[in-house]
Amino acid sequence: MGHCNGLLLLFSLLVVNPATRRWVSLPLLPCHFPELEFGFFDKECIVFDPTISPHYEVFKILFVNTGWYSVERWIPS
């Protein structure tokens, strides 16, 4: 979920404007890097500034959850 200047992004599928009671379904975003799917997570975000444009944008950020991995020093043999 996300929000920006009154618009809500719900379940990465819907953009809702509670003030106008209008909503739109988003198309599924393709995975551009299928070889990197393991260990990566994604987060959809919405940006909207009505003073600049009446249009919003939704984008996806890929990241690694570093809490699942441990970092150890490599000891040379």
N, C-alpha and C. Protein backbone atom coordinates (compact mmCIF):
# COMPACT_ATOMS: atom_id res chain seq x y z
N MET A 1 0.84 -1.18 0.00
CA MET A 1 0.00 0.00 0.00
C MET A 1 0.88 1.24 0.00
N GLY A 2 0.38 2.29 -0.59
CA GLY A 2 1.09 3.55 -0.62
C GLY A 2 0.11 4.69 -0.83
N HIS A 3 0.60 5.90 -0.65
CA HIS A 3 -0.25 7.07 -0.87
C HIS A 3 0.61 8.26 -1.25
N CYS A 4 0.01 9.19 -1.96
CA CYS A 4 0.72 10.41 -2.35
C CYS A 4 -0.31 11.47 -2.74
N ASN A 5 -0.31 12.58 -2.03
CA ASN A 5 -1.18 13.73 -2.34
C ASN A 5 -2.64 13.34 -2.55
N GLY A 6 -3.16 12.49 -1.68
CA GLY A 6 -4.58 12.14 -1.72
C GLY A 6 -4.92 10.89 -2.49
N LEU A 7 -4.00 10.37 -3.30
CA LEU A 7 -4.26 9.12 -4.02
C LEU A 7 -3.73 7.95 -3.20
N LEU A 8 -4.45 6.83 -3.26
CA LEU A 8 -4.04 5.62 -2.55
C LEU A 8 -3.68 4.54 -3.55
N LEU A 9 -2.61 3.82 -3.27
CA LEU A 9 -2.23 2.64 -4.05
C LEU A 9 -2.52 1.44 -3.16
N LEU A 10 -3.49 0.63 -3.57
CA LEU A 10 -3.93 -0.51 -2.76
C LEU A 10 -3.53 -1.82 -3.41
N PHE A 11 -2.85 -2.66 -2.64
CA PHE A 11 -2.50 -4.02 -3.05
C PHE A 11 -1.73 -4.06 -4.37
N SER A 12 -1.08 -2.97 -4.73
CA SER A 12 -0.33 -2.86 -5.99
C SER A 12 -1.21 -3.07 -7.21
N LEU A 13 -2.52 -3.00 -7.02
CA LEU A 13 -3.45 -3.27 -8.12
C LEU A 13 -4.41 -2.13 -8.41
N LEU A 14 -4.68 -1.28 -7.42
CA LEU A 14 -5.69 -0.25 -7.58
C LEU A 14 -5.14 1.12 -7.18
N VAL A 15 -5.51 2.15 -7.94
CA VAL A 15 -5.27 3.53 -7.54
C VAL A 15 -6.64 4.12 -7.23
N VAL A 16 -6.78 4.65 -6.01
CA VAL A 16 -8.07 5.13 -5.53
C VAL A 16 -7.95 6.60 -5.15
N ASN A 17 -8.96 7.39 -5.55
CA ASN A 17 -9.06 8.77 -5.12
C ASN A 17 -10.29 8.86 -4.22
N PRO A 18 -10.11 8.84 -2.89
CA PRO A 18 -11.26 8.86 -1.98
C PRO A 18 -12.10 10.13 -2.10
N ALA A 19 -11.49 11.26 -2.49
CA ALA A 19 -12.23 12.52 -2.60
C ALA A 19 -13.27 12.46 -3.72
N THR A 20 -12.93 11.80 -4.82
CA THR A 20 -13.86 11.71 -5.95
C THR A 20 -14.58 10.36 -6.02
N ARG A 21 -14.16 9.44 -5.15
CA ARG A 21 -14.71 8.07 -5.13
C ARG A 21 -14.50 7.36 -6.47
N ARG A 22 -13.39 7.67 -7.12
CA ARG A 22 -13.04 7.01 -8.38
C ARG A 22 -11.83 6.13 -8.15
N TRP A 23 -11.74 5.07 -8.96
CA TRP A 23 -10.61 4.16 -8.86
C TRP A 23 -10.32 3.57 -10.23
N VAL A 24 -9.10 3.05 -10.38
CA VAL A 24 -8.71 2.42 -11.63
C VAL A 24 -7.85 1.20 -11.29
N SER A 25 -8.06 0.12 -12.04
CA SER A 25 -7.23 -1.08 -11.90
C SER A 25 -5.95 -0.90 -12.71
N LEU A 26 -4.85 -1.34 -12.15
CA LEU A 26 -3.57 -1.26 -12.85
C LEU A 26 -3.27 -2.59 -13.54
N PRO A 27 -2.61 -2.55 -14.68
CA PRO A 27 -2.17 -3.81 -15.31
C PRO A 27 -1.04 -4.41 -14.48
N LEU A 28 -0.88 -5.72 -14.57
CA LEU A 28 0.22 -6.36 -13.87
C LEU A 28 1.54 -5.90 -14.50
N LEU A 29 2.49 -5.56 -13.65
CA LEU A 29 3.79 -5.12 -14.15
C LEU A 29 4.63 -6.34 -14.49
N PRO A 30 5.26 -6.34 -15.65
CA PRO A 30 6.09 -7.49 -16.02
C PRO A 30 7.37 -7.53 -15.20
N CYS A 31 7.91 -8.72 -15.04
CA CYS A 31 9.20 -8.88 -14.38
C CYS A 31 10.27 -8.76 -15.45
N HIS A 32 11.05 -7.69 -15.40
CA HIS A 32 12.07 -7.46 -16.42
C HIS A 32 13.33 -8.27 -16.20
N PHE A 33 13.50 -8.83 -14.99
CA PHE A 33 14.70 -9.58 -14.67
C PHE A 33 14.33 -10.92 -14.06
N PRO A 34 13.77 -11.85 -14.84
CA PRO A 34 13.34 -13.12 -14.25
C PRO A 34 14.48 -13.91 -13.63
N GLU A 35 15.71 -13.72 -14.11
CA GLU A 35 16.84 -14.47 -13.55
C GLU A 35 17.21 -13.97 -12.15
N LEU A 36 16.69 -12.83 -11.74
CA LEU A 36 16.98 -12.27 -10.42
C LEU A 36 15.83 -12.44 -9.44
N GLU A 37 14.85 -13.24 -9.76
CA GLU A 37 13.67 -13.35 -8.91
C GLU A 37 14.00 -13.91 -7.53
N PHE A 38 14.89 -14.90 -7.44
CA PHE A 38 15.18 -15.53 -6.16
C PHE A 38 15.95 -14.56 -5.26
N GLY A 39 15.44 -14.32 -4.08
CA GLY A 39 16.12 -13.45 -3.13
C GLY A 39 15.78 -11.98 -3.27
N PHE A 40 15.04 -11.62 -4.31
CA PHE A 40 14.67 -10.22 -4.50
C PHE A 40 13.19 -10.03 -4.16
N PHE A 41 12.88 -8.87 -3.66
CA PHE A 41 11.51 -8.49 -3.37
C PHE A 41 11.22 -7.22 -4.17
N ASP A 42 9.95 -6.88 -4.28
CA ASP A 42 9.63 -5.64 -4.98
C ASP A 42 8.63 -4.84 -4.18
N LYS A 43 8.64 -3.55 -4.43
CA LYS A 43 7.75 -2.62 -3.76
C LYS A 43 7.23 -1.65 -4.80
N GLU A 44 5.92 -1.56 -4.93
CA GLU A 44 5.33 -0.60 -5.85
C GLU A 44 5.10 0.72 -5.11
N CYS A 45 5.36 1.82 -5.79
CA CYS A 45 5.21 3.16 -5.21
C CYS A 45 4.41 4.02 -6.18
N ILE A 46 3.72 5.01 -5.61
CA ILE A 46 2.94 5.94 -6.42
C ILE A 46 3.49 7.35 -6.20
N VAL A 47 3.58 8.13 -7.28
CA VAL A 47 3.96 9.53 -7.18
C VAL A 47 2.90 10.36 -7.91
N PHE A 48 2.56 11.50 -7.30
CA PHE A 48 1.51 12.36 -7.86
C PHE A 48 1.68 13.75 -7.29
N ASP A 49 1.81 14.73 -8.15
CA ASP A 49 1.88 16.13 -7.74
C ASP A 49 0.93 16.92 -8.64
N PRO A 50 -0.29 17.21 -8.15
CA PRO A 50 -1.28 17.87 -9.00
C PRO A 50 -0.89 19.29 -9.42
N THR A 51 0.10 19.89 -8.76
CA THR A 51 0.54 21.22 -9.17
C THR A 51 1.42 21.17 -10.42
N ILE A 52 1.95 19.98 -10.73
CA ILE A 52 2.81 19.82 -11.90
C ILE A 52 2.08 19.12 -13.04
N SER A 53 1.29 18.09 -12.71
CA SER A 53 0.61 17.30 -13.74
C SER A 53 -0.62 16.64 -13.14
N PRO A 54 -1.68 16.46 -13.92
CA PRO A 54 -2.86 15.75 -13.41
C PRO A 54 -2.68 14.23 -13.44
N HIS A 55 -1.52 13.76 -13.87
CA HIS A 55 -1.27 12.33 -14.01
C HIS A 55 -0.41 11.81 -12.86
N TYR A 56 -0.64 10.56 -12.49
CA TYR A 56 0.18 9.90 -11.47
C TYR A 56 1.06 8.86 -12.17
N GLU A 57 2.07 8.40 -11.45
CA GLU A 57 2.92 7.32 -11.95
C GLU A 57 3.08 6.28 -10.85
N VAL A 58 3.09 5.01 -11.25
CA VAL A 58 3.35 3.90 -10.34
C VAL A 58 4.60 3.20 -10.85
N PHE A 59 5.53 2.95 -9.96
CA PHE A 59 6.76 2.28 -10.36
C PHE A 59 7.13 1.22 -9.34
N LYS A 60 7.99 0.29 -9.77
CA LYS A 60 8.39 -0.85 -8.94
C LYS A 60 9.88 -0.72 -8.61
N ILE A 61 10.21 -0.96 -7.34
CA ILE A 61 11.59 -0.95 -6.88
C ILE A 61 11.95 -2.37 -6.45
N LEU A 62 13.03 -2.92 -6.99
CA LEU A 62 13.53 -4.23 -6.57
C LEU A 62 14.56 -4.03 -5.46
N PHE A 63 14.51 -4.90 -4.44
CA PHE A 63 15.47 -4.81 -3.36
C PHE A 63 15.72 -6.20 -2.78
N VAL A 64 16.79 -6.32 -2.02
CA VAL A 64 17.14 -7.55 -1.31
C VAL A 64 16.87 -7.32 0.16
N ASN A 65 16.17 -8.25 0.78
CA ASN A 65 15.92 -8.16 2.21
C ASN A 65 17.18 -8.66 2.92
N THR A 66 18.01 -7.75 3.38
CA THR A 66 19.29 -8.14 3.99
C THR A 66 19.11 -8.79 5.35
N GLY A 67 17.93 -8.73 5.91
CA GLY A 67 17.69 -9.40 7.18
C GLY A 67 17.70 -10.91 7.07
N TRP A 68 17.60 -11.44 5.87
CA TRP A 68 17.58 -12.88 5.65
C TRP A 68 18.97 -13.45 5.42
N TYR A 69 19.96 -12.60 5.29
CA TYR A 69 21.29 -13.06 4.94
C TYR A 69 22.27 -12.67 6.03
N SER A 70 23.27 -13.49 6.22
CA SER A 70 24.32 -13.15 7.18
C SER A 70 25.60 -12.84 6.40
N VAL A 71 26.37 -11.94 6.95
CA VAL A 71 27.63 -11.56 6.32
C VAL A 71 28.75 -12.07 7.20
N GLU A 72 29.66 -12.83 6.61
CA GLU A 72 30.79 -13.37 7.35
C GLU A 72 32.07 -13.05 6.60
N ARG A 73 33.15 -13.04 7.32
CA ARG A 73 34.45 -12.77 6.72
C ARG A 73 34.98 -14.03 6.05
N TRP A 74 35.51 -13.88 4.85
CA TRP A 74 36.09 -15.01 4.12
C TRP A 74 37.52 -15.20 4.63
N ILE A 75 37.80 -16.38 5.15
CA ILE A 75 39.14 -16.67 5.66
C ILE A 75 39.94 -17.35 4.56
N PRO A 76 41.04 -16.74 4.12
CA PRO A 76 41.84 -17.36 3.06
C PRO A 76 42.43 -18.70 3.52
N SER A 77 42.54 -19.63 2.61
CA SER A 77 43.09 -20.95 2.98
C SER A 77 44.58 -21.02 2.71
